[in-house]
Amino acid sequence: MIIDDPRDNREIAAADGRATLDDLFRRTALRRPDALALTDPPNREAFSDGPPRRLTYAEADRMISAIAGRLRRMGLTGGAIVGLQIANTVESVLTLLAVLRAGLIGMPLPLLWRRTEIMSALSRVGAHALIVSGRIGNANHVDLAMQVAAETFSVRFVCAFGRTSHDGVVLLGDLLADAMSGPPPAVQSLNAGPSGPGAHLAVITWDVTIDGLVPVARSHAEVIAGGLAIPLEGRLPERAAILSTLPTASFAGLATAIVPWLLTGGRLALHHPFDPTTFARQCTTSDTVIVPGVLAAGLAESGHLCDGDAVRRVIGVWRAPERLFRASPWQHSAVALTDVQMFGEIGLVAARRDSSGRPAAIKFGPVPAPRDDPGARIVAQLRRTASGTVALAGPMVPRAAFPPGAERARLPTLKLLADGFTDTGYTCRSDSMIVTGPPPGLMSVGGYRFLPRDLENVVNCFNGGATLTALPDALAGHRLAGAAGDPRQVARDLMRLGVNPLIAGAFHADVPAARDRRRRT
């Protein structure tokens, strides 16, 4: 286990910037080539093309090299940004690692983003390529990618898994089969620079702030530092069998699933949320499960997590950390729960529940992992700003705005403070880091952030008096309810405009019921 033995120089390399994410994968592939590495959701064919796959480390390594080799032969040069919108299947992990192995920068995109948001993101950073699943649910992502590429000057290549008849699309699905029949061309990792390969930019994720859409760029070392807290605080064993319901399209997915999998050298099972029957089946072969924090108690009470001897650890991810301290105590002593508070794409804080089952109140200052060991590695620094908000610093927090010079160009960026901290915008108590409220002017709908003014602008384009209301929701934070003279037509028009399906779907509700809910709120 890379993080287990303090004498092991691999831990030092992972923590001080001398290792890349691909390095971590290669080390396990060399030690345990025949061990199971990645597994697809058993119900994969219900939401995406292709049969479920189960890959050993050797098989995954060959596929990663095959994809990386094709990307290089396409003419993508080192440092080119590649957008990724892939279902929560083995391809999402293989492609991300392949992009990194090829010396490129991965930019995973949220799965519900459509033309408007994708075009904005790709144009903002000058992305050169876009790789997508052929199908995710009812959405044809190849069609979407081709529309985006036609309107985005910087995008030169569209690549896809699955079935497609589009000319000009680079198909990657054949590589998965070909890589099984023989060794693909060797692809070397990044060359070490003066600061080590871990200092190279690895991924870009996207946040929404009061100023708008913000790209958040992290080096390999920063991604690894963010994920290091999870296996340490959560006491993950060597070769952990991890089941993740979080896609890789955010820092939350990368830090809670990908990095712990790489650090423990175990198995990563993927679940494309959410199918309760499939999830319960996958739990029987997993010792660690990653779920949204708001769902953890309900899943345990329904028997999905605690009915049997497999699951021993639950990682509950709170995309709205202000809701954590309203949660009920954890009452399942046989299963350890670790809460992970996500502060947008800025950083995270992990804290294991104690014997009382209540969320831990975390003190301001250095945060070690595990927290009950004062001599442990410091994974974050916390302080309260003069305005009463949480500020984060430490090895996981991005140190500069992206793209370089964004501040001078007056583009939306993270709020970097003069003392090296970054203001998250979340309000908190003065005595400890108990989050009391989200950043003002933002609303969260199932992990997606929206600006109210953007929602207003969307519906203002309809002259028929369409309205869109955000209603409180126990699980999603908020849900959107739309009202219009012809709501289904508005929904179809919004889909043609390329807006997020959460917005378009709000107009499928019954109009009188939506109006009644709006009056009550």
Foldseek 3Di string as FASTA:
>chain_A
DQCPDPVRCSVVCLQQQADFLLRLLVVLCVVFVAAWAEWEQCVCVQFADDHIDIHGSVLLVQLLCLLLVVVVVVPDDAAAEEEEQEFQGVCLVSPLSSCQLNNYAYAYADNLFFQVVVLVVCQVALHAEYEYECGGHPDGVVVRRVVSQVVRVSHDAYEYEDDDDDPRYHYSPVSSVVSVVDHDDDGGGDDADPSHQQQDWHYWAWFQDLQGIFIFIDGRNLLLLQQVLQCQQQVAAAQFFEEEQDGPRASVCSNPASNVCSSSSHYYYYDPDDDLVSLLVSLVQGQEYEDAQLCVQVCVVVPSNPVDDRHAEYEHEHLWLLCQQVDDFDDRVSHKYKYWYDLTRFGIDIHTADPRRHDDFAAAAFAFGVRVDPPHDGSWGWDADPVQFIKIAHSNGDQAGPPPPCVVVVHDTFQQDPVRITTSQFGADHGTRNTNGHRPQWFWFQSDIDGVVVLVVLVVVDPQPKDKDWDQDSRGRTAIAIAGPQLLVSLVVSVVVTRRNSSSVNSVDDRVVSVVRVVVD
